[in-house]
Protein backbone atom coordinates (compact mmCIF):
# COMPACT_ATOMS: atom_id res chain seq x y z
CA MET A 1 0.05 -0.02 -0.05
CA THR A 2 1.31 3.28 -0.89
CA GLU A 3 2.08 5.82 2.01
CA TYR A 4 -0.14 8.56 2.43
CA LYS A 5 1.42 11.97 1.61
CA PRO A 6 -0.12 14.56 4.12
CA ARG A 7 -2.17 17.20 2.29
CA ILE A 8 -2.60 20.72 3.55
CA VAL A 9 -6.35 20.30 3.41
CA ASP A 10 -6.08 17.72 6.31
CA SER A 11 -6.16 20.18 8.83
CA ILE A 12 -9.03 22.08 7.10
CA LEU A 13 -11.16 19.08 6.80
CA GLN A 14 -10.56 18.33 10.66
CA ASP A 15 -11.62 21.89 11.52
CA LYS A 16 -14.91 21.47 9.31
CA LEU A 17 -15.75 18.07 10.72
CA GLU A 18 -15.73 19.64 14.24
CA ALA A 19 -17.94 22.71 13.09
CA LYS A 20 -20.62 21.03 11.00
CA GLY A 21 -22.57 17.69 10.69
CA ALA A 22 -21.41 16.93 7.03
CA VAL A 23 -18.49 18.17 4.99
CA LEU A 24 -18.57 18.13 1.22
CA ILE A 25 -15.07 17.77 -0.44
CA GLU A 26 -15.12 18.85 -4.10
CA GLY A 27 -12.36 18.98 -6.76
CA ALA A 28 -10.94 17.42 -9.90
CA LYS A 29 -10.95 13.92 -10.35
CA TRP A 30 -7.61 12.21 -9.49
CA CYS A 31 -6.73 15.12 -6.97
CA GLY A 32 -6.71 12.81 -3.88
CA LYS A 33 -10.24 13.56 -2.36
CA THR A 34 -11.28 10.05 -1.72
CA THR A 35 -7.86 9.25 -0.20
CA THR A 36 -7.81 12.19 1.99
CA ALA A 37 -11.33 11.77 3.11
CA GLY A 38 -10.50 8.11 3.82
CA GLN A 39 -7.94 9.11 6.63
CA LYS A 40 -10.63 10.75 8.55
CA ALA A 41 -13.50 8.42 7.83
CA ALA A 42 -14.63 5.53 9.96
CA SER A 43 -16.65 3.79 7.29
CA ILE A 44 -17.12 4.09 3.51
CA LEU A 45 -19.65 3.83 0.82
CA LYS A 46 -18.24 3.91 -2.61
CA MET A 47 -21.32 4.79 -4.83
CA ASP A 48 -19.36 4.23 -8.06
CA ASN A 49 -18.22 0.66 -7.27
CA PRO A 50 -19.17 -1.42 -10.14
CA LYS A 51 -20.18 -4.43 -8.10
CA THR A 52 -22.77 -2.46 -6.04
CA LYS A 53 -23.50 0.70 -8.13
CA ASP A 54 -26.99 -0.39 -9.46
CA GLN A 55 -27.99 -1.51 -5.93
CA ASN A 56 -26.71 1.83 -4.37
CA LEU A 57 -28.51 3.83 -6.83
CA ASN A 58 -31.93 1.87 -6.18
CA MET A 59 -31.37 2.10 -2.51
CA ALA A 60 -30.69 5.95 -2.59
CA LYS A 61 -34.23 6.22 -4.13
CA LEU A 62 -36.18 3.54 -1.92
CA ASN A 63 -34.43 3.84 1.29
CA PRO A 64 -31.47 6.25 1.51
CA GLN A 65 -31.12 6.18 5.13
CA ARG A 66 -30.06 2.52 4.84
CA LEU A 67 -26.86 3.79 2.86
CA LEU A 68 -26.05 6.22 5.71
CA LYS A 69 -25.67 3.52 8.43
CA GLY A 70 -22.19 2.93 9.57
CA GLU A 71 -19.56 4.42 11.88
CA THR A 72 -18.79 8.10 11.67
CA PRO A 73 -17.43 10.00 10.01
CA ARG A 74 -19.11 8.00 7.21
CA LEU A 75 -17.59 8.80 3.74
CA ILE A 76 -20.04 8.78 0.77
CA ASP A 77 -17.81 8.88 -2.19
CA GLU A 78 -19.15 10.13 -5.58
CA TRP A 79 -22.29 11.10 -3.78
CA GLN A 80 -23.56 13.22 -6.78
CA LEU A 81 -24.48 9.87 -8.54
CA ALA A 82 -27.57 9.79 -6.38
CA PRO A 83 -28.61 13.42 -5.57
CA THR A 84 -31.36 12.39 -3.32
CA LEU A 85 -28.79 11.42 -0.73
CA TRP A 86 -28.16 15.29 0.00
CA ASP A 87 -31.58 15.63 1.48
CA ALA A 88 -31.49 12.49 3.36
CA ILE A 89 -28.00 13.46 4.90
CA ARG A 90 -29.34 16.78 5.79
CA TYR A 91 -32.22 15.13 7.55
CA GLU A 92 -29.94 12.62 9.26
CA VAL A 93 -27.75 15.34 10.49
CA ASP A 94 -30.87 17.27 12.02
CA GLU A 95 -31.82 14.04 13.83
CA ARG A 96 -28.40 13.07 15.24
CA GLN A 97 -27.56 16.58 16.26
CA LYS A 98 -23.79 15.84 16.21
CA MET A 99 -20.92 17.29 14.40
CA GLY A 100 -18.74 15.25 12.02
CA GLN A 101 -21.23 12.62 10.80
CA PHE A 102 -20.49 12.60 7.06
CA ILE A 103 -18.03 13.45 4.51
CA LEU A 104 -19.26 13.56 0.89
CA THR A 105 -16.77 13.61 -2.01
CA GLY A 106 -17.44 14.39 -5.57
CA SER A 107 -15.62 15.11 -8.95
CA ALA A 108 -18.60 16.75 -10.46
CA VAL A 109 -21.49 19.07 -9.54
CA PRO A 110 -24.63 17.05 -9.87
CA PRO A 111 -26.11 17.43 -13.34
CA ASP A 112 -29.67 17.35 -12.01
CA THR A 113 -30.52 19.14 -8.64
CA ASP A 114 -34.12 18.95 -9.08
CA GLU A 115 -34.09 16.16 -6.40
CA ILE A 116 -32.35 18.45 -3.92
CA THR A 117 -35.04 20.47 -1.98
CA HIS A 118 -32.78 22.02 0.66
CA SER A 119 -29.61 24.11 0.46
CA GLY A 120 -27.85 22.31 3.35
CA THR A 121 -27.28 25.60 5.19
CA GLY A 122 -26.30 25.09 8.84
CA ARG A 123 -25.70 21.32 8.30
CA PHE A 124 -23.19 21.26 5.31
CA THR A 125 -19.79 22.84 5.01
CA TRP A 126 -17.62 22.83 1.79
CA VAL A 127 -13.84 22.14 1.14
CA LEU A 128 -12.48 22.77 -2.49
CA MET A 129 -9.52 20.35 -2.98
CA ARG A 130 -6.96 21.05 -5.71
CA PRO A 131 -3.99 18.90 -7.10
CA MET A 132 -0.87 18.81 -4.91
CA SER A 133 1.23 21.84 -4.43
CA LEU A 134 4.97 21.42 -5.00
CA PHE A 135 5.38 21.58 -1.08
CA GLU A 136 2.79 18.81 -0.62
CA SER A 137 4.56 16.64 -3.25
CA GLY A 138 7.99 17.25 -1.69
CA GLU A 139 9.42 19.40 -4.49
CA SER A 140 9.35 22.67 -2.39
CA THR A 141 11.55 22.93 0.75
CA GLY A 142 8.99 25.15 2.47
CA GLU A 143 11.65 27.31 3.96
CA VAL A 144 9.62 30.52 3.38
CA SER A 145 6.03 30.45 4.79
CA LEU A 146 3.24 32.65 3.64
CA LYS A 147 1.67 32.50 7.07
CA SER A 148 4.99 34.07 8.51
CA LEU A 149 4.91 36.65 6.00
CA PHE A 150 1.45 37.67 6.82
CA ASP A 151 2.44 37.57 10.57
CA GLY A 152 5.17 40.15 9.79
CA SER A 153 8.22 38.21 9.70
CA LEU A 154 9.70 39.26 6.36
CA GLU A 155 13.27 38.04 6.65
CA VAL A 156 13.48 35.05 4.22
CA ASP A 157 16.04 32.38 3.86
CA GLY A 158 16.45 29.03 2.12
CA GLU A 159 17.88 27.32 -1.10
CA ASN A 160 15.94 26.63 -4.24
CA PRO A 161 16.23 23.00 -5.33
CA LEU A 162 14.65 23.52 -8.68
CA ASP A 163 16.28 24.18 -12.02
CA MET A 164 14.85 24.84 -15.53
CA GLU A 165 14.69 21.23 -16.35
CA LYS A 166 13.19 20.08 -13.05
CA LEU A 167 10.35 22.95 -13.26
CA SER A 168 9.58 22.10 -16.90
CA PHE A 169 8.98 18.45 -15.78
CA LEU A 170 6.85 19.43 -12.80
CA ILE A 171 4.70 21.58 -14.95
CA CYS A 172 3.88 18.72 -17.43
CA ARG A 173 3.68 16.12 -14.65
CA GLY A 174 1.32 18.21 -12.44
CA GLY A 175 0.11 17.70 -9.00
CA TRP A 176 -1.65 14.48 -9.45
CA PRO A 177 -1.01 12.25 -6.30
CA MET A 178 -0.66 9.06 -8.49
CA SER A 179 2.04 10.66 -10.54
CA VAL A 180 4.37 11.58 -7.72
CA GLY A 181 7.34 9.09 -7.27
CA LEU A 182 6.72 7.47 -10.60
CA LYS A 183 9.47 7.23 -13.29
CA ASP A 184 9.55 10.36 -15.42
CA LYS A 185 7.78 8.87 -18.48
CA ALA A 186 5.05 7.13 -16.42
CA ALA A 187 4.63 10.35 -14.40
CA LEU A 188 4.15 12.56 -17.47
CA GLN A 189 1.63 9.99 -19.08
CA GLN A 190 -0.73 10.75 -16.14
CA ALA A 191 -1.72 14.07 -17.31
CA PHE A 192 -2.39 12.92 -20.89
CA ASP A 193 -4.51 9.94 -19.54
CA TYR A 194 -6.46 12.77 -17.40
CA TYR A 195 -6.90 14.72 -20.45
CA ASP A 196 -8.07 11.92 -22.53
CA ALA A 197 -10.79 11.05 -19.91
CA VAL A 198 -11.92 14.63 -19.78
CA VAL A 199 -12.47 14.66 -23.64
CA LYS A 200 -13.93 11.19 -24.03
CA SER A 201 -16.26 10.90 -21.12
CA ASP A 202 -15.91 13.15 -17.99
CA ILE A 203 -17.09 16.34 -19.57
CA ASN A 204 -20.33 14.68 -20.49
CA ARG A 205 -20.96 13.96 -16.82
CA ALA A 206 -21.18 17.52 -15.97
CA ASP A 207 -24.60 17.95 -17.61
CA GLY A 208 -25.45 14.72 -19.14
CA VAL A 209 -25.07 16.05 -22.65
CA ASN A 210 -22.86 14.08 -25.13
CA LYS A 211 -20.17 16.39 -26.59
CA ASN A 212 -18.34 16.10 -29.61
CA PRO A 213 -14.79 15.02 -28.52
CA GLU A 214 -13.08 16.92 -31.30
CA ARG A 215 -14.82 20.09 -30.30
CA VAL A 216 -13.78 19.55 -26.67
CA LYS A 217 -10.16 19.25 -27.86
CA ARG A 218 -10.40 22.34 -29.77
CA ILE A 219 -11.60 24.36 -26.87
CA MET A 220 -9.45 23.07 -24.28
CA LYS A 221 -6.52 23.78 -26.63
CA SER A 222 -7.50 27.44 -27.08
CA PHE A 223 -8.29 27.63 -23.37
CA ALA A 224 -4.58 26.56 -22.81
CA ARG A 225 -3.34 29.20 -25.24
CA ASN A 226 -5.30 31.75 -23.36
CA GLN A 227 -4.09 30.88 -19.85
CA GLY A 228 -3.54 33.91 -17.56
CA SER A 229 -5.68 36.30 -19.74
CA GLN A 230 -9.25 37.61 -19.51
CA ALA A 231 -10.24 36.22 -22.91
CA ALA A 232 -13.92 36.34 -23.65
CA ASN A 233 -15.76 33.27 -24.93
CA THR A 234 -15.98 35.14 -28.37
CA VAL A 235 -12.07 35.44 -28.27
CA ILE A 236 -11.76 31.66 -27.91
CA ALA A 237 -14.25 31.03 -30.51
CA ALA A 238 -12.38 33.29 -32.87
CA ASP A 239 -9.08 31.49 -31.91
CA ILE A 240 -10.68 28.07 -32.90
CA LEU A 241 -11.83 29.55 -36.16
CA ALA A 242 -8.29 30.82 -36.88
CA ASN A 243 -6.69 27.53 -36.06
CA GLU A 244 -9.23 25.01 -37.13
CA VAL A 245 -11.86 24.35 -39.76
CA GLU A 246 -14.77 23.96 -37.64
CA LYS A 247 -16.88 27.12 -36.83
CA VAL A 248 -17.69 27.35 -33.09
CA ASN A 249 -19.62 30.43 -31.59
CA GLY A 250 -19.26 32.10 -28.14
CA ASP A 251 -22.47 30.33 -26.82
CA THR A 252 -20.94 26.88 -27.66
CA VAL A 253 -17.54 27.81 -26.08
CA HIS A 254 -19.56 29.02 -22.96
CA SER A 255 -21.53 25.72 -22.65
CA TYR A 256 -18.26 23.80 -22.90
CA ILE A 257 -16.21 25.79 -20.30
CA GLU A 258 -19.26 25.70 -17.91
CA ALA A 259 -19.05 21.95 -18.11
CA LEU A 260 -15.23 21.86 -17.56
CA LYS A 261 -15.98 24.07 -14.45
CA LYS A 262 -18.63 21.60 -13.28
CA ILE A 263 -16.01 18.96 -13.28
CA PHE A 264 -13.34 21.15 -11.69
CA VAL A 265 -10.95 21.10 -14.68
CA VAL A 266 -11.30 24.81 -15.04
CA GLU A 267 -10.98 27.38 -12.06
CA ASP A 268 -10.99 31.08 -13.23
CA MET A 269 -9.73 33.69 -10.95
CA PRO A 270 -11.78 36.70 -9.85
CA ALA A 271 -10.74 40.25 -10.02
CA TRP A 272 -9.66 42.05 -6.89
CA ASN A 273 -11.28 45.27 -6.20
CA PRO A 274 -9.33 47.59 -3.85
CA ASN A 275 -9.91 51.14 -2.50
CA LEU A 276 -7.48 53.41 -4.84
CA ARG A 277 -6.38 56.81 -4.40
CA SER A 278 -6.75 57.20 -8.31
CA LYS A 279 -9.78 57.14 -10.36
CA SER A 280 -8.59 54.19 -12.38
CA ALA A 281 -11.29 51.87 -13.54
CA ILE A 282 -10.86 48.10 -12.27
CA ARG A 283 -11.32 45.56 -14.74
CA THR A 284 -13.61 42.80 -13.53
CA SER A 285 -13.25 40.15 -15.98
CA ASP A 286 -12.17 36.74 -14.41
CA THR A 287 -8.79 35.43 -15.62
CA ARG A 288 -8.64 32.00 -17.21
CA TYR A 289 -6.92 29.16 -15.52
CA TYR A 290 -6.74 25.35 -15.51
CA VAL A 291 -6.83 23.90 -12.20
CA ASP A 292 -3.47 22.30 -13.00
CA PRO A 293 -0.76 23.36 -15.52
CA SER A 294 -0.54 19.76 -16.77
CA ILE A 295 -3.99 19.89 -18.30
CA ALA A 296 -2.72 22.80 -20.39
CA THR A 297 0.42 21.05 -21.60
CA ALA A 298 -1.64 18.00 -22.18
CA SER A 299 -4.21 19.90 -24.22
CA LEU A 300 -1.41 21.25 -26.54
CA GLY A 301 0.53 17.93 -26.66
CA ILE A 302 3.63 19.27 -25.40
CA GLY A 303 6.31 18.15 -22.95
CA PRO A 304 9.07 19.53 -20.81
CA GLU A 305 11.47 19.91 -23.83
CA ASP A 306 8.92 21.81 -25.68
CA LEU A 307 8.59 24.35 -22.69
CA ILE A 308 12.26 24.85 -22.57
CA ASN A 309 12.44 25.46 -26.26
CA ASP A 310 9.57 28.05 -25.94
CA LEU A 311 10.22 30.27 -22.95
CA ARG A 312 7.15 32.36 -23.57
CA THR A 313 5.01 29.27 -23.20
CA PHE A 314 7.17 28.02 -20.31
CA GLY A 315 6.47 31.31 -18.41
CA LEU A 316 2.70 31.09 -19.25
CA PHE A 317 2.32 27.72 -17.63
CA PHE A 318 4.68 28.26 -14.88
CA GLU A 319 2.30 31.15 -13.88
CA THR A 320 -0.54 28.56 -13.90
CA MET A 321 1.47 26.17 -11.52
CA CYS A 322 2.20 29.12 -9.11
CA VAL A 323 -1.60 30.10 -9.09
CA ARG A 324 -2.25 26.51 -8.11
CA ASP A 325 0.05 26.47 -5.14
CA LEU A 326 -1.00 29.91 -4.12
CA ARG A 327 -4.77 28.80 -3.98
CA VAL A 328 -3.88 25.55 -1.98
CA PHE A 329 -1.84 27.69 0.58
CA ALA A 330 -4.31 30.59 0.76
CA GLU A 331 -7.26 28.20 1.39
CA SER A 332 -5.42 27.00 4.66
CA LEU A 333 -4.96 30.64 5.80
CA ASP A 334 -8.70 31.49 5.24
CA GLY A 335 -8.01 33.31 2.08
CA SER A 336 -8.35 33.65 -1.71
CA VAL A 337 -6.51 34.49 -4.62
CA TYR A 338 -7.40 37.33 -6.98
CA HIS A 339 -6.00 39.07 -9.99
CA TYR A 340 -5.90 42.92 -10.40
CA ARG A 341 -5.92 45.04 -13.71
CA ASP A 342 -7.18 48.41 -14.39
CA ASN A 343 -7.94 50.61 -17.28
CA THR A 344 -4.45 52.09 -17.39
CA GLY A 345 -2.71 48.76 -17.84
CA LEU A 346 -1.54 48.22 -14.28
CA GLU A 347 -1.81 44.55 -13.55
CA CYS A 348 -0.98 42.14 -10.60
CA ASP A 349 -0.80 38.42 -11.32
CA ALA A 350 -2.01 37.35 -7.77
CA VAL A 351 -3.44 39.04 -4.73
CA VAL A 352 -3.60 36.60 -1.87
CA HIS A 353 -6.33 38.12 0.40
CA LEU A 354 -7.13 36.77 3.77
CA ARG A 355 -10.59 37.04 5.66
CA ASN A 356 -8.99 39.31 8.14
CA GLY A 357 -8.30 41.91 5.69
CA LYS A 358 -4.68 41.43 5.28
CA TYR A 359 -3.36 40.72 1.68
CA GLY A 360 0.00 40.25 -0.25
CA LEU A 361 0.73 41.39 -3.67
CA ILE A 362 2.57 38.87 -5.83
CA GLU A 363 4.00 39.13 -9.50
CA ILE A 364 5.03 35.81 -11.13
CA LYS A 365 8.17 35.76 -13.33
CA LEU A 366 9.89 32.72 -14.33
CA GLY A 367 13.28 34.30 -13.75
CA GLY A 368 16.10 36.67 -14.82
CA GLU A 369 17.10 40.30 -13.32
CA ASP A 370 15.17 42.17 -15.95
CA ALA A 371 11.85 40.41 -15.29
CA ILE A 372 12.41 40.72 -11.50
CA ASN A 373 12.94 44.33 -11.71
CA GLU A 374 9.81 44.62 -13.74
CA GLY A 375 7.72 42.73 -11.34
CA ALA A 376 9.03 44.86 -8.46
CA ALA A 377 8.31 48.07 -10.18
CA THR A 378 4.71 46.96 -10.98
CA LEU A 379 4.25 45.88 -7.34
CA LYS A 380 5.42 49.12 -5.97
CA LYS A 381 3.33 51.12 -8.32
CA LEU A 382 0.18 49.26 -7.30
CA GLN A 383 1.06 49.75 -3.75
CA LYS A 384 1.32 53.58 -4.15
CA SER A 385 -2.09 53.57 -5.77
CA ILE A 386 -3.87 51.75 -2.78
CA ASP A 387 -5.86 54.18 -0.44
CA THR A 388 -4.49 53.08 3.00
CA SER A 389 -6.80 55.37 4.70
CA LYS A 390 -9.56 53.22 3.76
CA MET A 391 -7.81 49.73 3.73
CA LYS A 392 -4.86 48.00 5.25
CA ALA A 393 -1.42 48.30 3.51
CA PRO A 394 -0.18 45.20 1.90
CA SER A 395 1.43 42.65 4.32
CA PHE A 396 4.24 42.13 1.54
CA LEU A 397 5.38 42.53 -2.12
CA MET A 398 6.59 39.61 -3.57
CA VAL A 399 8.02 38.35 -6.93
CA LEU A 400 7.44 34.79 -7.13
CA THR A 401 10.07 33.08 -9.33
CA GLY A 402 10.98 29.60 -10.91
CA LEU A 403 14.68 30.07 -11.18
CA GLY A 404 17.31 31.65 -8.88
CA ASP A 405 19.27 30.05 -5.97
CA TYR A 406 17.89 31.92 -2.98
CA PRO A 407 14.91 33.86 -1.57
CA TYR A 408 15.96 37.46 -0.74
CA LYS A 409 14.62 40.92 0.22
CA ARG A 410 15.59 43.71 -2.21
CA GLU A 411 16.52 47.10 -0.96
CA ASP A 412 13.16 48.38 -1.89
CA GLY A 413 11.53 45.85 0.34
CA VAL A 414 10.09 43.71 -2.46
CA LEU A 415 10.70 39.89 -1.60
CA VAL A 416 12.13 37.63 -4.23
CA VAL A 417 11.06 34.05 -3.64
CA PRO A 418 11.49 30.91 -5.76
CA ILE A 419 8.46 28.55 -5.72
CA GLY A 420 10.73 25.93 -4.70
CA VAL A 421 11.08 27.29 -1.26
CA LEU A 422 7.35 28.28 -0.69
CA LYS A 423 4.70 26.79 1.76
CA ASN A 424 1.45 27.75 3.31
């Protein structure tokens, strides 16, 4: 049996179980939801077990309470296959009047919510789980802590173990738990297998509508090319028309991307809206991201060598990897990750904003002195535009890099931190 690699979400799940009767863990297929939930569960029901699936689905309609019997916390894996279980669990939580009774896991939003009559408010709490960060998979040393930075400790130290070859491999391998520890070729194959599963079947589970696999491929490929941008659906449709023979309109692109969101393949980044001294108009469009950079590289059919030979694409997908890690880290700190852009062209790649009002501004650069200087200048400019009489000043300014031997603080106060030393 493979040894369980601790996840940052472990402590979040424990806290949630102590606070609510039922916890729903959502996230992309293969990101480790069932394995993580299984560490806390005292009994398990796998709704998609081929041997008992039909029986389970029938029982969910006829006598759902029967499926809920078992030691607690009871894990109901792939619960969305039987949406009627939602109300049954809500009722059972009310009856038992105890915390930590159920853990639900699902890799898709239920396509049909007509059978759900109650929102679950007061009984359910949610956890969004993502693929592994580099710290969780053991590729980051964790010598620089985001929490420490928010706590005011801005002196950084450490040594980055990652070079260009390793970084390109990690981008293409992704944060899929089953790929960690495999030989390079086998590890890289996991992302392609994931992509194939999305194209051929998983996307259809989102809404129960069969989709043209070739069209799915084209849209996912275009989405990959538009990573880190605020590209509208019409822009992606035009991109497909420019590169393929089949005509696709914005409405079609929207329906496909919504399906990808429902199976947690795509997770766009919302815009950040600070109080500004200037009258700059803040752009509110979401920024496009896959939940893991390996989905993007698999969509384009490229590998580590292709990234090294195309540094622009390398930088694009490095940003996606950093966003994935920052989201994992922010979640454990009661925070979220946003993007800033205004009508003057001022832009910040990531703003980690905590529930208590603290925030950090982060520019993501693959490496190189010129790029770091550019990122630092952007951060300082944004810092000056924020009205600190109406909101807190940023806790830190950081250029998050891929290359570079050590983290350090510049004379202007901006931190330069390689992703290979960062943790939550």
